Amino acid sequence: MNPPAQKQLITNHNVRIISLVTGDQVLALFGEIRENNEPDTKVIGYSMNFPYLLKLGEVREDGNIPIEYTRWCPFSPIEEHRLSGEHIISVVYPDNGILDNFVAKLKDVGLTEEQIFFAEEQQNGNTSEPTETEQPVDNSAG
């Protein structure tokens, strides 16, 4: 018996799961910070926008394991966090279900699909800057 066919992974966005040296698994809009903000210059750091800490919940009676989402830094209303590459172990695309949940959270804070997704799918490994919002969004309620 063959396993059910998986939907193709959606990749036309900058949403990533970032594994940090602290052990945190962070879901965020992810981007590179470059010298002088020029595309062909050296990467000097990374940004995580609207970061959420991901954790596995308790196994349910049906065998499913829920994913818990909590704000990564609930102590500040600022939703852009900058870090160096020394703090990152890996960066990967989320599965489509996690992406759908995160997109709903981003819409709750005022982002539109046009700010989250770009028109054409790009190659794996894209870490370009996410689309900026016109005004800062305060999500201090968590």
N, C-alpha and C. Protein backbone atom coordinates (compact mmCIF):
# COMPACT_ATOMS: atom_id res chain seq x y z
N MET A 1 0.84 -1.18 0.00
CA MET A 1 0.00 0.00 0.00
C MET A 1 0.88 1.24 0.00
N ASN A 2 0.62 2.16 -0.90
CA ASN A 2 1.41 3.40 -1.01
C ASN A 2 0.90 4.45 -0.04
N PRO A 3 1.83 5.24 0.52
CA PRO A 3 1.40 6.34 1.41
C PRO A 3 0.64 7.38 0.59
N PRO A 4 -0.25 8.15 1.24
CA PRO A 4 -1.00 9.17 0.51
C PRO A 4 -0.05 10.22 -0.07
N ALA A 5 -0.42 10.75 -1.22
CA ALA A 5 0.40 11.76 -1.88
C ALA A 5 0.38 13.05 -1.07
N GLN A 6 1.56 13.65 -0.90
CA GLN A 6 1.66 14.91 -0.18
C GLN A 6 1.47 16.06 -1.14
N LYS A 7 0.83 17.14 -0.63
CA LYS A 7 0.73 18.35 -1.43
C LYS A 7 2.11 18.94 -1.60
N GLN A 8 2.33 19.59 -2.74
CA GLN A 8 3.62 20.23 -2.98
C GLN A 8 3.84 21.34 -1.95
N LEU A 9 5.05 21.43 -1.44
CA LEU A 9 5.40 22.44 -0.45
C LEU A 9 5.30 23.83 -1.06
N ILE A 10 4.60 24.73 -0.37
CA ILE A 10 4.47 26.12 -0.83
C ILE A 10 5.75 26.86 -0.46
N THR A 11 6.40 27.50 -1.45
CA THR A 11 7.69 28.14 -1.20
C THR A 11 7.78 29.58 -1.68
N ASN A 12 6.68 30.18 -2.08
CA ASN A 12 6.73 31.56 -2.58
C ASN A 12 6.52 32.57 -1.45
N HIS A 13 7.35 32.45 -0.42
CA HIS A 13 7.25 33.30 0.76
C HIS A 13 8.59 33.26 1.50
N ASN A 14 8.73 34.11 2.51
CA ASN A 14 9.94 34.13 3.34
C ASN A 14 9.68 33.59 4.74
N VAL A 15 8.63 32.81 4.91
CA VAL A 15 8.34 32.20 6.20
C VAL A 15 9.29 31.01 6.37
N ARG A 16 9.96 30.97 7.51
CA ARG A 16 10.90 29.88 7.78
C ARG A 16 10.79 29.43 9.23
N ILE A 17 11.22 28.21 9.47
CA ILE A 17 11.45 27.72 10.81
C ILE A 17 12.95 27.82 11.04
N ILE A 18 13.32 28.61 12.05
CA ILE A 18 14.72 28.86 12.34
C ILE A 18 15.07 28.08 13.61
N SER A 19 16.03 27.18 13.50
CA SER A 19 16.52 26.43 14.67
C SER A 19 17.70 27.20 15.25
N LEU A 20 17.56 27.61 16.50
CA LEU A 20 18.60 28.41 17.16
C LEU A 20 19.47 27.55 18.06
N VAL A 21 20.67 28.03 18.36
CA VAL A 21 21.57 27.29 19.24
C VAL A 21 20.99 27.11 20.63
N THR A 22 20.01 27.90 21.01
CA THR A 22 19.36 27.77 22.31
C THR A 22 18.42 26.57 22.37
N GLY A 23 18.14 25.97 21.20
CA GLY A 23 17.19 24.87 21.13
C GLY A 23 15.81 25.33 20.69
N ASP A 24 15.59 26.65 20.61
CA ASP A 24 14.30 27.17 20.16
C ASP A 24 14.08 26.87 18.68
N GLN A 25 12.83 26.55 18.35
CA GLN A 25 12.39 26.42 16.97
C GLN A 25 11.46 27.61 16.74
N VAL A 26 11.88 28.57 15.93
CA VAL A 26 11.15 29.82 15.77
C VAL A 26 10.58 29.91 14.36
N LEU A 27 9.30 30.21 14.27
CA LEU A 27 8.60 30.42 13.01
C LEU A 27 8.51 31.92 12.79
N ALA A 28 9.00 32.41 11.65
CA ALA A 28 9.03 33.86 11.43
C ALA A 28 9.16 34.17 9.95
N LEU A 29 8.88 35.43 9.60
CA LEU A 29 9.30 35.95 8.31
C LEU A 29 10.80 36.19 8.45
N PHE A 30 11.58 35.57 7.60
CA PHE A 30 13.04 35.54 7.76
C PHE A 30 13.71 36.29 6.62
N GLY A 31 14.78 37.01 6.93
CA GLY A 31 15.50 37.72 5.87
C GLY A 31 16.94 37.96 6.24
N GLU A 32 17.72 38.32 5.24
CA GLU A 32 19.12 38.67 5.42
C GLU A 32 19.25 40.16 5.65
N ILE A 33 20.25 40.53 6.43
CA ILE A 33 20.62 41.94 6.60
C ILE A 33 21.99 42.07 5.94
N ARG A 34 22.09 42.97 4.97
CA ARG A 34 23.33 43.12 4.21
C ARG A 34 23.97 44.48 4.48
N GLU A 35 25.29 44.52 4.28
CA GLU A 35 26.03 45.79 4.41
C GLU A 35 25.38 46.83 3.52
N ASN A 36 25.15 47.99 4.06
CA ASN A 36 24.59 49.13 3.31
C ASN A 36 23.26 48.81 2.63
N ASN A 37 22.60 47.74 3.06
CA ASN A 37 21.31 47.32 2.47
C ASN A 37 21.38 47.14 0.96
N GLU A 38 22.56 46.80 0.44
CA GLU A 38 22.74 46.57 -0.99
C GLU A 38 22.68 45.07 -1.27
N PRO A 39 21.95 44.64 -2.33
CA PRO A 39 21.76 43.20 -2.58
C PRO A 39 23.04 42.41 -2.83
N ASP A 40 24.07 43.00 -3.38
CA ASP A 40 25.28 42.25 -3.71
C ASP A 40 26.39 42.40 -2.67
N THR A 41 26.04 42.85 -1.46
CA THR A 41 27.06 43.02 -0.43
C THR A 41 27.00 41.88 0.57
N LYS A 42 27.95 41.88 1.47
CA LYS A 42 28.10 40.82 2.47
C LYS A 42 26.91 40.78 3.43
N VAL A 43 26.48 39.55 3.78
CA VAL A 43 25.44 39.36 4.79
C VAL A 43 26.07 39.62 6.14
N ILE A 44 25.46 40.53 6.93
CA ILE A 44 26.02 40.86 8.24
C ILE A 44 25.11 40.40 9.39
N GLY A 45 23.96 39.85 9.04
CA GLY A 45 23.04 39.36 10.07
C GLY A 45 21.74 38.90 9.43
N TYR A 46 20.80 38.56 10.29
CA TYR A 46 19.51 38.05 9.82
C TYR A 46 18.39 38.70 10.63
N SER A 47 17.21 38.76 10.04
CA SER A 47 16.06 39.30 10.76
C SER A 47 14.96 38.25 10.84
N MET A 48 14.29 38.25 11.97
CA MET A 48 13.10 37.42 12.18
C MET A 48 11.97 38.40 12.50
N ASN A 49 10.95 38.42 11.66
CA ASN A 49 9.81 39.29 11.86
C ASN A 49 8.60 38.47 12.28
N PHE A 50 7.89 38.95 13.31
CA PHE A 50 6.72 38.27 13.87
C PHE A 50 7.08 36.84 14.29
N PRO A 51 8.13 36.67 15.11
CA PRO A 51 8.57 35.32 15.48
C PRO A 51 7.66 34.65 16.51
N TYR A 52 7.40 33.38 16.28
CA TYR A 52 6.65 32.54 17.21
C TYR A 52 7.47 31.31 17.55
N LEU A 53 7.51 30.99 18.83
CA LEU A 53 8.17 29.78 19.30
C LEU A 53 7.26 28.60 19.02
N LEU A 54 7.80 27.56 18.41
CA LEU A 54 7.03 26.35 18.12
C LEU A 54 7.40 25.27 19.12
N LYS A 55 6.39 24.60 19.65
CA LYS A 55 6.61 23.45 20.54
C LYS A 55 5.55 22.41 20.23
N LEU A 56 5.91 21.16 20.45
CA LEU A 56 4.93 20.09 20.32
C LEU A 56 4.11 20.00 21.60
N GLY A 57 2.80 19.87 21.44
CA GLY A 57 1.92 19.70 22.59
C GLY A 57 1.84 18.24 23.00
N GLU A 58 0.92 17.94 23.87
CA GLU A 58 0.71 16.57 24.35
C GLU A 58 -0.03 15.75 23.29
N VAL A 59 0.33 14.49 23.18
CA VAL A 59 -0.31 13.58 22.23
C VAL A 59 -1.80 13.46 22.59
N ARG A 60 -2.65 13.64 21.60
CA ARG A 60 -4.10 13.54 21.80
C ARG A 60 -4.53 12.08 21.73
N GLU A 61 -5.76 11.83 22.15
CA GLU A 61 -6.29 10.46 22.12
C GLU A 61 -6.28 9.86 20.72
N ASP A 62 -6.46 10.71 19.69
CA ASP A 62 -6.47 10.21 18.31
C ASP A 62 -5.07 9.99 17.75
N GLY A 63 -4.04 10.26 18.58
CA GLY A 63 -2.66 10.05 18.14
C GLY A 63 -2.01 11.28 17.54
N ASN A 64 -2.78 12.32 17.26
CA ASN A 64 -2.21 13.55 16.70
C ASN A 64 -1.47 14.33 17.78
N ILE A 65 -0.44 15.05 17.35
CA ILE A 65 0.32 15.89 18.26
C ILE A 65 0.14 17.33 17.80
N PRO A 66 -0.50 18.17 18.63
CA PRO A 66 -0.70 19.57 18.23
C PRO A 66 0.60 20.36 18.31
N ILE A 67 0.66 21.43 17.55
CA ILE A 67 1.80 22.35 17.60
C ILE A 67 1.34 23.60 18.34
N GLU A 68 2.11 24.00 19.34
CA GLU A 68 1.78 25.19 20.12
C GLU A 68 2.58 26.37 19.59
N TYR A 69 1.90 27.51 19.44
CA TYR A 69 2.51 28.74 18.96
C TYR A 69 2.46 29.77 20.09
N THR A 70 3.62 30.30 20.48
CA THR A 70 3.65 31.40 21.44
C THR A 70 4.64 32.44 20.93
N ARG A 71 4.36 33.69 21.26
CA ARG A 71 5.28 34.75 20.82
C ARG A 71 6.67 34.45 21.36
N TRP A 72 7.67 34.61 20.51
CA TRP A 72 9.03 34.30 20.88
C TRP A 72 9.57 35.27 21.93
N CYS A 73 9.20 36.54 21.82
CA CYS A 73 9.65 37.54 22.79
C CYS A 73 8.45 38.38 23.22
N PRO A 74 7.68 37.89 24.20
CA PRO A 74 6.48 38.60 24.64
C PRO A 74 6.78 39.85 25.47
N PHE A 75 8.04 40.15 25.72
CA PHE A 75 8.43 41.25 26.59
C PHE A 75 8.57 42.59 25.86
N SER A 76 8.40 42.58 24.54
CA SER A 76 8.54 43.80 23.75
C SER A 76 7.49 43.84 22.66
N PRO A 77 6.97 45.03 22.36
CA PRO A 77 6.01 45.13 21.26
C PRO A 77 6.70 45.10 19.89
N ILE A 78 8.03 45.17 19.86
CA ILE A 78 8.78 45.16 18.61
C ILE A 78 8.73 43.76 18.01
N GLU A 79 8.37 43.67 16.75
CA GLU A 79 8.22 42.37 16.10
C GLU A 79 9.33 42.05 15.11
N GLU A 80 10.39 42.89 15.07
CA GLU A 80 11.55 42.57 14.24
C GLU A 80 12.73 42.33 15.16
N HIS A 81 13.31 41.14 15.04
CA HIS A 81 14.44 40.76 15.87
C HIS A 81 15.61 40.46 14.95
N ARG A 82 16.77 41.00 15.29
CA ARG A 82 17.97 40.80 14.48
C ARG A 82 18.94 39.89 15.22
N LEU A 83 19.60 39.02 14.48
CA LEU A 83 20.55 38.11 15.10
C LEU A 83 21.67 37.78 14.13
N SER A 84 22.75 37.27 14.68
CA SER A 84 23.89 36.89 13.84
C SER A 84 23.74 35.44 13.42
N GLY A 85 24.47 35.07 12.40
CA GLY A 85 24.46 33.69 11.93
C GLY A 85 24.99 32.71 12.94
N GLU A 86 25.78 33.18 13.91
CA GLU A 86 26.32 32.29 14.94
C GLU A 86 25.23 31.71 15.83
N HIS A 87 24.07 32.31 15.83
CA HIS A 87 22.96 31.86 16.67
C HIS A 87 22.02 30.90 15.95
N ILE A 88 22.27 30.67 14.67
CA ILE A 88 21.37 29.86 13.84
C ILE A 88 22.01 28.51 13.51
N ILE A 89 21.23 27.44 13.73
CA ILE A 89 21.68 26.10 13.34
C ILE A 89 21.17 25.78 11.94
N SER A 90 19.87 26.03 11.70
CA SER A 90 19.31 25.75 10.38
C SER A 90 18.10 26.64 10.12
N VAL A 91 17.76 26.73 8.84
CA VAL A 91 16.60 27.51 8.40
C VAL A 91 15.90 26.67 7.33
N VAL A 92 14.61 26.37 7.56
CA VAL A 92 13.86 25.53 6.62
C VAL A 92 12.45 26.09 6.40
N TYR A 93 11.86 25.67 5.28
CA TYR A 93 10.45 26.00 5.02
C TYR A 93 9.57 25.21 5.98
N PRO A 94 8.47 25.82 6.44
CA PRO A 94 7.50 25.06 7.24
C PRO A 94 6.62 24.22 6.34
N ASP A 95 5.98 23.19 6.91
CA ASP A 95 5.02 22.45 6.09
C ASP A 95 3.80 23.34 5.85
N ASN A 96 2.97 22.95 4.90
CA ASN A 96 1.85 23.79 4.48
C ASN A 96 0.85 24.07 5.60
N GLY A 97 0.63 23.11 6.49
CA GLY A 97 -0.31 23.33 7.59
C GLY A 97 0.19 24.39 8.55
N ILE A 98 1.48 24.34 8.89
CA ILE A 98 2.08 25.35 9.76
C ILE A 98 2.05 26.71 9.07
N LEU A 99 2.36 26.73 7.77
CA LEU A 99 2.32 27.98 7.00
C LEU A 99 0.91 28.59 7.05
N ASP A 100 -0.12 27.79 6.83
CA ASP A 100 -1.50 28.29 6.86
C ASP A 100 -1.82 28.92 8.21
N ASN A 101 -1.43 28.26 9.31
CA ASN A 101 -1.69 28.81 10.65
C ASN A 101 -0.96 30.13 10.86
N PHE A 102 0.30 30.21 10.41
CA PHE A 102 1.09 31.42 10.58
C PHE A 102 0.53 32.57 9.74
N VAL A 103 0.12 32.26 8.52
CA VAL A 103 -0.47 33.29 7.66
C VAL A 103 -1.72 33.88 8.33
N ALA A 104 -2.52 33.04 8.97
CA ALA A 104 -3.71 33.53 9.69
C ALA A 104 -3.28 34.46 10.82
N LYS A 105 -2.21 34.12 11.55
CA LYS A 105 -1.72 34.98 12.62
C LYS A 105 -1.21 36.31 12.06
N LEU A 106 -0.51 36.26 10.92
CA LEU A 106 0.00 37.49 10.30
C LEU A 106 -1.15 38.37 9.82
N LYS A 107 -2.19 37.77 9.30
CA LYS A 107 -3.36 38.55 8.88
C LYS A 107 -4.03 39.20 10.08
N ASP A 108 -4.04 38.51 11.22
CA ASP A 108 -4.62 39.07 12.45
C ASP A 108 -3.92 40.34 12.89
N VAL A 109 -2.61 40.47 12.58
CA VAL A 109 -1.87 41.68 12.96
C VAL A 109 -1.79 42.70 11.82
N GLY A 110 -2.53 42.45 10.74
CA GLY A 110 -2.66 43.46 9.69
C GLY A 110 -1.89 43.23 8.41
N LEU A 111 -1.13 42.15 8.28
CA LEU A 111 -0.44 41.90 7.02
C LEU A 111 -1.42 41.32 6.00
N THR A 112 -1.14 41.57 4.74
CA THR A 112 -1.96 41.04 3.65
C THR A 112 -1.22 39.90 2.96
N GLU A 113 -1.95 39.13 2.18
CA GLU A 113 -1.29 38.04 1.43
C GLU A 113 -0.21 38.58 0.51
N GLU A 114 -0.42 39.79 -0.05
CA GLU A 114 0.58 40.40 -0.94
C GLU A 114 1.87 40.71 -0.19
N GLN A 115 1.79 40.96 1.13
CA GLN A 115 2.98 41.23 1.92
C GLN A 115 3.67 39.94 2.37
N ILE A 116 2.97 38.83 2.32
CA ILE A 116 3.51 37.55 2.79
C ILE A 116 4.05 36.72 1.62
N PHE A 117 3.29 36.67 0.54
CA PHE A 117 3.65 35.83 -0.61
C PHE A 117 4.15 36.68 -1.76
N PHE A 118 5.09 36.15 -2.55
CA PHE A 118 5.50 36.82 -3.77
C PHE A 118 4.96 36.03 -4.96
N ALA A 119 4.92 36.69 -6.11
CA ALA A 119 4.23 36.16 -7.28
C ALA A 119 4.76 34.82 -7.77
N GLU A 120 6.06 34.69 -7.88
CA GLU A 120 6.61 33.45 -8.44
C GLU A 120 7.38 32.70 -7.37
N GLU A 121 7.27 31.37 -7.41
CA GLU A 121 8.05 30.56 -6.48
C GLU A 121 9.52 30.68 -6.84
N GLN A 122 10.36 30.76 -5.81
CA GLN A 122 11.80 30.86 -6.00
C GLN A 122 12.44 29.56 -5.55
N GLN A 123 13.71 29.43 -5.86
CA GLN A 123 14.46 28.22 -5.52
C GLN A 123 14.57 28.09 -4.00
N ASN A 124 14.70 26.84 -3.51
CA ASN A 124 14.96 26.60 -2.08
C ASN A 124 16.19 27.38 -1.66
N GLY A 125 16.20 27.82 -0.41
CA GLY A 125 17.34 28.57 0.09
C GLY A 125 17.15 30.07 -0.02
N ASN A 126 16.03 30.54 -0.57
CA ASN A 126 15.81 31.97 -0.66
C ASN A 126 15.73 32.56 0.74
N THR A 127 16.59 33.53 1.00
CA THR A 127 16.56 34.19 2.31
C THR A 127 16.50 35.70 2.12
N SER A 128 15.87 36.15 1.04
CA SER A 128 15.78 37.58 0.79
C SER A 128 14.90 38.24 1.84
N GLU A 129 15.00 39.56 1.91
CA GLU A 129 14.24 40.32 2.90
C GLU A 129 12.74 40.15 2.67
N PRO A 130 11.98 39.96 3.73
CA PRO A 130 10.53 39.91 3.59
C PRO A 130 9.98 41.28 3.23
N THR A 131 8.79 41.30 2.66
CA THR A 131 8.14 42.54 2.34
C THR A 131 7.89 43.33 3.62
N GLU A 132 8.21 44.62 3.60
CA GLU A 132 8.04 45.45 4.78
C GLU A 132 6.61 45.95 4.86
N THR A 133 6.12 46.13 6.07
CA THR A 133 4.82 46.75 6.27
C THR A 133 5.01 48.25 6.24
N GLU A 134 3.94 48.97 5.92
CA GLU A 134 4.06 50.41 5.85
C GLU A 134 4.13 51.06 7.22
N GLN A 135 3.46 50.46 8.21
CA GLN A 135 3.49 50.98 9.56
C GLN A 135 3.85 49.83 10.50
N PRO A 136 4.56 50.13 11.60
CA PRO A 136 4.82 49.06 12.56
C PRO A 136 3.52 48.52 13.13
N VAL A 137 3.50 47.24 13.40
CA VAL A 137 2.31 46.61 13.94
C VAL A 137 2.59 46.23 15.38
N ASP A 138 1.71 46.64 16.30
CA ASP A 138 1.86 46.31 17.70
C ASP A 138 1.05 45.08 18.01
N ASN A 139 1.75 44.00 18.37
CA ASN A 139 1.06 42.76 18.72
C ASN A 139 1.43 42.38 20.15
N SER A 140 1.41 43.35 21.04
CA SER A 140 1.87 43.10 22.40
C SER A 140 0.90 42.23 23.19
N ALA A 141 -0.32 42.03 22.67
CA ALA A 141 -1.27 41.18 23.39
C ALA A 141 -0.89 39.73 23.30
N GLY A 142 -0.06 39.36 22.29
CA GLY A 142 0.43 37.99 22.16
C GLY A 142 -0.59 37.11 21.61
